[in-house]
Amino acid sequence: MGNPHHLAHWYPTAAYLYILGLDALALAWEYLRRHPDYRLDWRRRARRPDAAQRWGLRLLEDPALDARDAQPAWQPGHAAVVQLYPDADPPVDAELFSFWRIPGHKQLLHDGKGLVLIARSAGHWQRFVLASGLEDGMAVAYAYHGRGGVMHAPDTPAPMARSRPPPAALLELHTLQALDATLAGASLREVGEGLFGVDAVADWYSDGGLRSKVRRLVRRGDALMRSGYRRLAQLAPLEKGRFESNAKRP
């Protein structure tokens, strides 16, 4: 009989290729949405309307949605998010806010505080927070958390902007695949087979290097899911002892 894991949701690497095109905030969501306690909070959201703050969000987002469809409302502070305001004293050559001139597929959402615009194109993400009163054609002023720039520069390049995905992007793909496998109950060897192929694990017990690599991926995924995603989202780390997870580690 064939390996039954080839039918598991985590087994086909092709299902994870979209990971190669994500930026840091989108990756943070991919790790957070897998957290068992987050998923529990989502199911209990009617009874726990303030649970989002625990996770660094303004509103809870459906963990069934991956980063291509989800629009998590992160708490403010990420350097990639640009604040746009009406310019009260614009120069003669002031740049005008033009919604339709911003390249890419655009999505608008309200994050509980204000209007957020996300524009995605091949290999690039742009995130803007639109101040109340800003309208199309108005002179626009912008502000960043921690860095400067111009209106069309504040995009976050994703790995797919390059001709070949860099090692860092492949690391995230493998880490998320390994995390899903362990959450589904797969053994380390089964994880290795799914990530690197049946031939690669033929000498599993004598190849300590591959076993160590798979073990590191599993541990990395668990750490990013539990609190490491906060670093990707540029959120303050949790104080020790606050919101500690009781979820069983895979």
Foldseek 3Di string as FASTA:
>chain_A
DDDPCCPPPLQALVVLVVLQQDALLLLLLLLQLPDPVLQVCVVVCVVVVPCQVVVQFLGRWHSVDHSVPIDTHGDDQDQLEKEKDFDPDADPPFDFDAPVPQDADWDWDQRPPFIKIWGDDQQKIHIYTYDPPRDGGGRMDMDGRPDDDDDNPSIGGGQRVDPDRDPVSVLSSLLSSLQVCVVVPHDLLVSLCSSPNPVVCPVVVVCVPSSVVSVVSNVVSQVSNQFVSCVSVVHDGDDPPPPHDPDDRD
